[in-house]
Each structure stands twice: as C-alpha cells, then as structure tokens.
N, C-alpha and C. Protein backbone atom coordinates (compact mmCIF):
# COMPACT_ATOMS: atom_id res chain seq x y z
N MET A 1 70.60 22.80 -50.63
CA MET A 1 70.23 21.67 -51.43
C MET A 1 71.94 21.34 -50.67
N GLU A 2 71.43 19.89 -50.47
CA GLU A 2 72.48 18.74 -50.17
C GLU A 2 73.12 17.44 -51.43
N SER A 3 74.36 16.91 -52.09
CA SER A 3 74.12 15.64 -52.16
C SER A 3 73.16 16.04 -53.51
N HIS A 4 73.33 16.48 -54.26
CA HIS A 4 71.90 17.01 -55.42
C HIS A 4 71.15 16.97 -55.34
N VAL A 5 70.15 17.77 -53.84
CA VAL A 5 69.06 17.00 -53.28
C VAL A 5 68.33 18.34 -53.41
N LEU A 6 67.43 18.90 -54.43
CA LEU A 6 66.63 20.14 -53.73
C LEU A 6 66.21 20.04 -52.84
N PHE A 7 66.13 20.75 -52.23
CA PHE A 7 65.05 21.13 -50.39
C PHE A 7 64.05 22.01 -50.50
N ILE A 8 63.29 21.54 -50.41
CA ILE A 8 61.71 22.25 -50.74
C ILE A 8 60.79 22.49 -49.25
N GLY A 9 60.49 23.39 -48.67
CA GLY A 9 59.32 23.55 -47.67
C GLY A 9 60.71 23.71 -46.58
N ASP A 10 60.17 22.80 -45.25
CA ASP A 10 60.93 23.04 -44.24
C ASP A 10 62.57 22.08 -44.39
N ALA A 11 62.26 21.62 -45.35
CA ALA A 11 63.66 20.22 -45.27
C ALA A 11 64.82 21.98 -45.94
N ALA A 12 64.45 22.70 -46.50
CA ALA A 12 65.83 23.78 -47.03
C ALA A 12 66.00 24.38 -45.73
N GLY A 13 64.95 24.80 -45.39
CA GLY A 13 65.95 25.71 -43.85
C GLY A 13 65.04 25.69 -42.84
N MET A 14 65.58 26.05 -41.62
CA MET A 14 64.43 25.94 -40.68
C MET A 14 63.12 27.38 -40.33
N ILE A 15 62.22 26.93 -40.72
CA ILE A 15 61.00 28.23 -40.71
C ILE A 15 60.60 28.51 -39.57
N THR A 16 60.70 30.12 -38.80
CA THR A 16 60.24 30.35 -37.66
C THR A 16 58.96 30.98 -37.68
N PRO A 17 58.23 30.36 -36.90
CA PRO A 17 56.55 30.75 -37.10
C PRO A 17 56.21 32.33 -37.07
N LEU A 18 57.52 33.32 -36.61
CA LEU A 18 56.71 34.94 -37.55
C LEU A 18 57.51 34.86 -38.73
N CYS A 19 57.16 33.82 -39.74
CA CYS A 19 57.40 33.96 -41.25
C CYS A 19 56.03 33.68 -42.02
N GLY A 20 55.56 33.52 -41.33
CA GLY A 20 54.42 33.36 -42.71
C GLY A 20 53.29 31.74 -42.34
N ASN A 21 53.04 31.67 -43.20
CA ASN A 21 52.77 30.42 -43.62
C ASN A 21 53.32 29.46 -44.19
N GLY A 22 53.39 28.24 -43.17
CA GLY A 22 54.91 27.45 -44.18
C GLY A 22 53.81 26.51 -45.11
N MET A 23 53.07 26.23 -45.20
CA MET A 23 52.68 25.75 -46.50
C MET A 23 52.83 26.59 -47.24
N SER A 24 52.57 27.78 -47.72
CA SER A 24 52.56 29.50 -48.38
C SER A 24 54.49 28.69 -48.68
N ILE A 25 54.35 28.97 -47.74
CA ILE A 25 56.30 28.40 -48.05
C ILE A 25 57.21 27.50 -49.12
N ALA A 26 56.44 26.22 -48.28
CA ALA A 26 56.79 25.36 -49.25
C ALA A 26 55.92 25.12 -50.37
N LEU A 27 54.91 25.77 -50.82
CA LEU A 27 54.43 25.82 -51.91
C LEU A 27 55.34 27.27 -53.13
N HIS A 28 56.24 28.27 -52.40
CA HIS A 28 56.80 28.79 -53.37
C HIS A 28 57.97 28.31 -53.67
N GLY A 29 58.48 26.75 -52.85
CA GLY A 29 59.32 26.49 -53.25
C GLY A 29 59.87 25.76 -54.15
N SER A 30 58.20 24.89 -53.82
CA SER A 30 58.14 23.86 -54.90
C SER A 30 57.93 24.87 -56.67
N LYS A 31 57.44 25.90 -57.03
CA LYS A 31 57.10 26.35 -57.75
C LYS A 31 58.61 27.04 -58.08
N ILE A 32 59.60 27.44 -57.78
CA ILE A 32 61.05 27.74 -57.74
C ILE A 32 61.71 26.26 -58.27
N ALA A 33 61.09 24.98 -57.70
CA ALA A 33 61.85 23.95 -58.04
C ALA A 33 61.60 23.39 -59.64
N PHE A 34 60.40 23.93 -59.48
CA PHE A 34 59.79 23.63 -60.86
C PHE A 34 60.21 23.58 -62.27
N GLU A 35 60.11 25.85 -61.73
CA GLU A 35 60.71 26.63 -62.73
C GLU A 35 62.32 25.93 -62.92
N CYS A 36 63.02 25.72 -62.44
CA CYS A 36 64.15 25.14 -61.64
C CYS A 36 64.40 23.84 -63.10
N ILE A 37 63.51 22.79 -62.54
CA ILE A 37 63.83 21.66 -63.44
C ILE A 37 63.47 21.07 -64.83
N VAL A 38 62.16 22.03 -64.62
CA VAL A 38 61.86 21.92 -66.76
C VAL A 38 62.96 22.38 -67.42
N PRO A 39 63.66 23.07 -67.34
CA PRO A 39 64.79 23.53 -68.20
C PRO A 39 65.81 22.49 -68.68
N TYR A 40 65.98 22.11 -67.49
CA TYR A 40 67.24 21.20 -66.78
C TYR A 40 65.88 19.55 -68.02
N LEU A 41 64.95 19.23 -67.57
CA LEU A 41 64.34 17.93 -68.31
C LEU A 41 64.54 18.15 -69.87
N LYS A 42 64.45 19.74 -70.60
CA LYS A 42 64.03 19.52 -71.77
C LYS A 42 65.84 19.64 -71.96
N GLY A 43 66.95 20.04 -71.21
CA GLY A 43 68.20 19.64 -72.30
C GLY A 43 68.47 21.32 -72.16
N LYS A 44 67.88 22.09 -71.78
CA LYS A 44 68.28 23.84 -72.04
C LYS A 44 69.54 23.92 -70.87
N ILE A 45 69.37 23.37 -69.74
CA ILE A 45 70.39 23.50 -68.65
C ILE A 45 70.88 22.37 -68.66
N ASP A 46 72.53 21.95 -68.14
CA ASP A 46 72.37 21.40 -66.88
C ASP A 46 72.32 21.10 -65.59
N ARG A 47 72.75 19.92 -64.87
CA ARG A 47 72.84 19.81 -63.44
C ARG A 47 73.63 20.95 -62.74
N HIS A 48 74.17 21.28 -62.92
CA HIS A 48 74.84 22.03 -62.03
C HIS A 48 74.14 23.74 -62.36
N GLU A 49 73.72 24.03 -63.11
CA GLU A 49 72.80 25.20 -63.37
C GLU A 49 71.93 25.12 -63.07
N MET A 50 71.20 23.57 -62.97
CA MET A 50 69.90 23.88 -62.51
C MET A 50 69.72 23.97 -60.96
N GLU A 51 70.74 22.99 -60.34
CA GLU A 51 70.63 23.72 -59.16
C GLU A 51 71.32 24.85 -58.45
N GLN A 52 72.60 25.44 -59.28
CA GLN A 52 72.62 27.16 -58.91
C GLN A 52 71.78 27.93 -59.06
N TYR A 53 71.06 27.59 -60.12
CA TYR A 53 69.49 28.27 -60.48
C TYR A 53 68.68 28.26 -59.09
N TYR A 54 68.52 27.24 -58.54
CA TYR A 54 67.46 26.89 -57.58
C TYR A 54 68.14 27.50 -56.27
N ALA A 55 69.41 27.49 -56.56
CA ALA A 55 69.67 27.69 -54.93
C ALA A 55 69.70 29.79 -54.84
N ASP A 56 70.23 30.13 -55.44
CA ASP A 56 69.56 31.44 -56.18
C ASP A 56 68.56 32.19 -56.10
N ARG A 57 67.74 31.75 -56.53
CA ARG A 57 65.93 31.80 -56.73
C ARG A 57 65.88 31.25 -54.92
N TRP A 58 65.49 30.73 -54.60
CA TRP A 58 65.79 30.16 -52.86
C TRP A 58 66.29 31.52 -52.23
N HIS A 59 67.48 31.50 -52.07
CA HIS A 59 67.81 32.74 -51.24
C HIS A 59 67.28 33.62 -52.03
N GLN A 60 66.90 34.21 -53.19
CA GLN A 60 66.52 35.62 -53.30
C GLN A 60 65.25 35.51 -52.83
N GLN A 61 64.15 34.17 -52.92
CA GLN A 61 62.90 34.25 -52.47
C GLN A 61 62.85 34.53 -50.57
N PHE A 62 63.64 33.69 -50.31
CA PHE A 62 63.41 33.38 -48.75
C PHE A 62 64.76 33.96 -47.67
N SER A 63 65.85 34.28 -47.99
CA SER A 63 66.15 34.26 -47.14
C SER A 63 66.65 35.95 -46.17
N LYS A 64 65.99 36.58 -46.29
CA LYS A 64 65.81 37.44 -46.06
C LYS A 64 64.57 37.44 -44.83
N ARG A 65 63.93 36.58 -45.48
CA ARG A 65 62.33 36.50 -44.02
C ARG A 65 63.22 35.53 -43.55
N ILE A 66 63.64 34.18 -43.69
CA ILE A 66 64.26 33.54 -42.41
C ILE A 66 65.04 34.57 -41.33
N ARG A 67 66.10 35.31 -41.99
CA ARG A 67 66.77 36.18 -41.31
C ARG A 67 66.21 36.94 -40.42
N THR A 68 65.22 37.57 -40.53
CA THR A 68 64.94 38.52 -40.55
C THR A 68 63.56 37.95 -38.83
N GLY A 69 62.29 36.94 -39.33
CA GLY A 69 61.86 35.98 -38.96
C GLY A 69 63.08 35.43 -37.70
N ARG A 70 63.98 34.83 -37.78
CA ARG A 70 64.70 34.40 -36.59
C ARG A 70 65.41 35.59 -35.34
N PHE A 71 65.49 36.61 -36.49
CA PHE A 71 65.81 38.18 -35.49
C PHE A 71 65.12 38.51 -35.01
N ILE A 72 64.01 38.80 -34.58
CA ILE A 72 62.77 38.64 -34.23
C ILE A 72 62.64 38.23 -32.99
N GLN A 73 62.11 35.97 -33.62
CA GLN A 73 61.89 35.71 -32.81
C GLN A 73 62.72 35.38 -31.51
N ARG A 74 63.91 35.53 -31.34
CA ARG A 74 64.57 36.29 -30.24
C ARG A 74 64.36 36.78 -29.20
N PHE A 75 63.50 37.98 -29.04
CA PHE A 75 62.82 38.51 -28.55
C PHE A 75 61.82 37.50 -27.54
N PHE A 76 61.11 37.20 -28.41
CA PHE A 76 60.21 36.18 -27.74
C PHE A 76 60.75 34.83 -26.92
N GLY A 77 61.70 35.17 -27.02
CA GLY A 77 62.10 33.37 -25.87
C GLY A 77 62.60 34.07 -24.57
N ASP A 78 62.55 35.84 -24.71
CA ASP A 78 62.60 36.47 -22.91
C ASP A 78 61.43 37.28 -23.05
N LYS A 79 60.40 36.93 -21.57
CA LYS A 79 59.42 37.72 -21.22
C LYS A 79 59.62 39.12 -21.08
N PHE A 80 61.08 39.36 -20.87
CA PHE A 80 60.90 41.17 -20.66
C PHE A 80 61.13 41.47 -21.82
N LEU A 81 62.08 40.45 -22.68
CA LEU A 81 62.08 41.36 -24.25
C LEU A 81 60.82 41.38 -24.87
N ALA A 82 59.81 40.49 -24.95
CA ALA A 82 59.16 40.16 -25.55
C ALA A 82 58.20 41.41 -25.31
N ASN A 83 57.72 41.82 -24.19
CA ASN A 83 57.28 42.69 -23.38
C ASN A 83 57.38 44.14 -23.79
N PHE A 84 58.60 44.38 -23.91
CA PHE A 84 59.33 45.43 -24.58
C PHE A 84 59.02 45.99 -25.87
N LEU A 85 59.30 44.66 -26.34
CA LEU A 85 59.19 45.22 -28.44
C LEU A 85 57.94 45.60 -28.40
N ILE A 86 56.53 44.62 -28.00
CA ILE A 86 55.44 44.65 -28.18
C ILE A 86 55.49 46.08 -27.22
N ARG A 87 55.55 46.79 -26.57
CA ARG A 87 55.24 47.56 -26.10
C ARG A 87 55.36 48.81 -26.80
N SER A 88 57.47 48.92 -27.46
CA SER A 88 58.11 49.72 -28.30
C SER A 88 57.19 49.91 -29.54
N LEU A 89 56.52 48.79 -30.32
CA LEU A 89 56.01 48.68 -31.39
C LEU A 89 55.01 48.92 -31.68
N LYS A 90 53.95 48.66 -30.70
CA LYS A 90 52.30 49.46 -30.41
C LYS A 90 52.05 50.52 -30.90
N PRO A 91 52.93 51.81 -30.74
CA PRO A 91 52.27 53.10 -30.95
C PRO A 91 52.95 53.18 -32.48
N PHE A 92 53.36 52.46 -33.14
CA PHE A 92 53.67 52.04 -34.51
C PHE A 92 53.25 51.32 -35.75
N PRO A 93 51.81 51.31 -35.64
CA PRO A 93 51.22 50.29 -36.68
C PRO A 93 52.07 50.38 -38.36
N LYS A 94 51.87 51.31 -38.67
CA LYS A 94 53.08 51.16 -39.97
C LYS A 94 54.42 50.25 -39.72
N LEU A 95 55.43 50.45 -38.72
CA LEU A 95 56.42 49.95 -38.29
C LEU A 95 55.81 47.76 -38.02
N ILE A 96 54.90 48.26 -37.71
CA ILE A 96 54.08 46.21 -37.62
C ILE A 96 54.06 45.91 -38.60
N ASP A 97 53.29 46.61 -40.02
CA ASP A 97 53.23 46.29 -40.96
C ASP A 97 54.41 45.76 -41.63
N TRP A 98 55.35 47.03 -41.79
CA TRP A 98 56.12 46.51 -42.47
C TRP A 98 57.11 45.22 -41.98
N LEU A 99 57.39 44.93 -40.49
CA LEU A 99 58.07 43.79 -40.87
C LEU A 99 57.41 43.02 -40.25
N ILE A 100 55.84 42.83 -40.79
CA ILE A 100 55.21 41.52 -41.05
C ILE A 100 55.82 41.66 -42.48
N ARG A 101 55.41 42.41 -43.32
CA ARG A 101 56.00 42.69 -44.95
C ARG A 101 57.14 41.98 -45.29
N GLN A 102 58.40 42.31 -43.81
CA GLN A 102 59.91 41.70 -44.08
C GLN A 102 59.36 40.18 -43.87
N THR A 103 58.94 39.75 -43.46
CA THR A 103 58.80 37.93 -42.63
C THR A 103 57.50 37.44 -43.18
N HIS A 104 57.11 37.93 -44.40
CA HIS A 104 55.98 37.42 -44.79
C HIS A 104 55.59 37.01 -46.27
N GLY A 105 56.76 37.72 -47.15
CA GLY A 105 56.87 38.28 -48.27
C GLY A 105 55.69 38.21 -49.38
N GLN A 106 56.02 38.25 -50.64
CA GLN A 106 54.69 38.59 -51.32
C GLN A 106 54.21 37.41 -52.09
N PRO A 107 52.74 37.48 -52.06
CA PRO A 107 51.77 36.45 -52.37
C PRO A 107 52.13 36.08 -53.32
N PHE A 108 51.77 34.49 -54.36
CA PHE A 108 52.02 34.48 -55.49
C PHE A 108 50.91 34.00 -56.16
C-alpha cells in the first residue's frame, strides 16, 4: 500500500510464475480488499484501520507464497541449478506436491 491506495493483483507485488495463476491471486486480493472496504464504508472502522487490516490480510495470504516462489525461481536462472533441482526432486513426488502447495495457496 502506498499513499493510501490498496494495491491489488500485480500492482501489490511481483508475482513469480511459480506462484500459480496470477488471475487467481488478483481475485483473492480483490476479495480481501472488498472485505476491508465494506466495514470502512459502513463507518465501522476508520481509514487507518481499513488500510492496516488490508495490509495484514494481504501479507497473511500472499507473502509466504511469493517468498517461496522467488526462492525457487532463483534456481531456474541457471541451467545447472535448474537441472540439479529437477533431478533432486524427481524421486520425491510428495515433496514436489508440498512445494506446489506452498506457492499456489488455497482455493476459495
């Protein structure tokens, strides 16, 4: 958030390709924004509370996914590291599934 603007989707943060469907992230972000804006418009919370609530919820929903995706993506910038990672993970399909869950989040 910057200058009291709630950023949603790609505007809210660099989404790596390993973090799943960017449109899904944008939809999740808009749902969070909606849930923060409605109480503000109804006068139940002030602007500062709305902004803080949005920032907290956004970070809770996306920061781990983005951090994990960026970490994994570093391997794919180098052919040797990418091949090493793929070969290392191939015998462990459950670990691969776990990594995907870490970067793709929960459906809503």
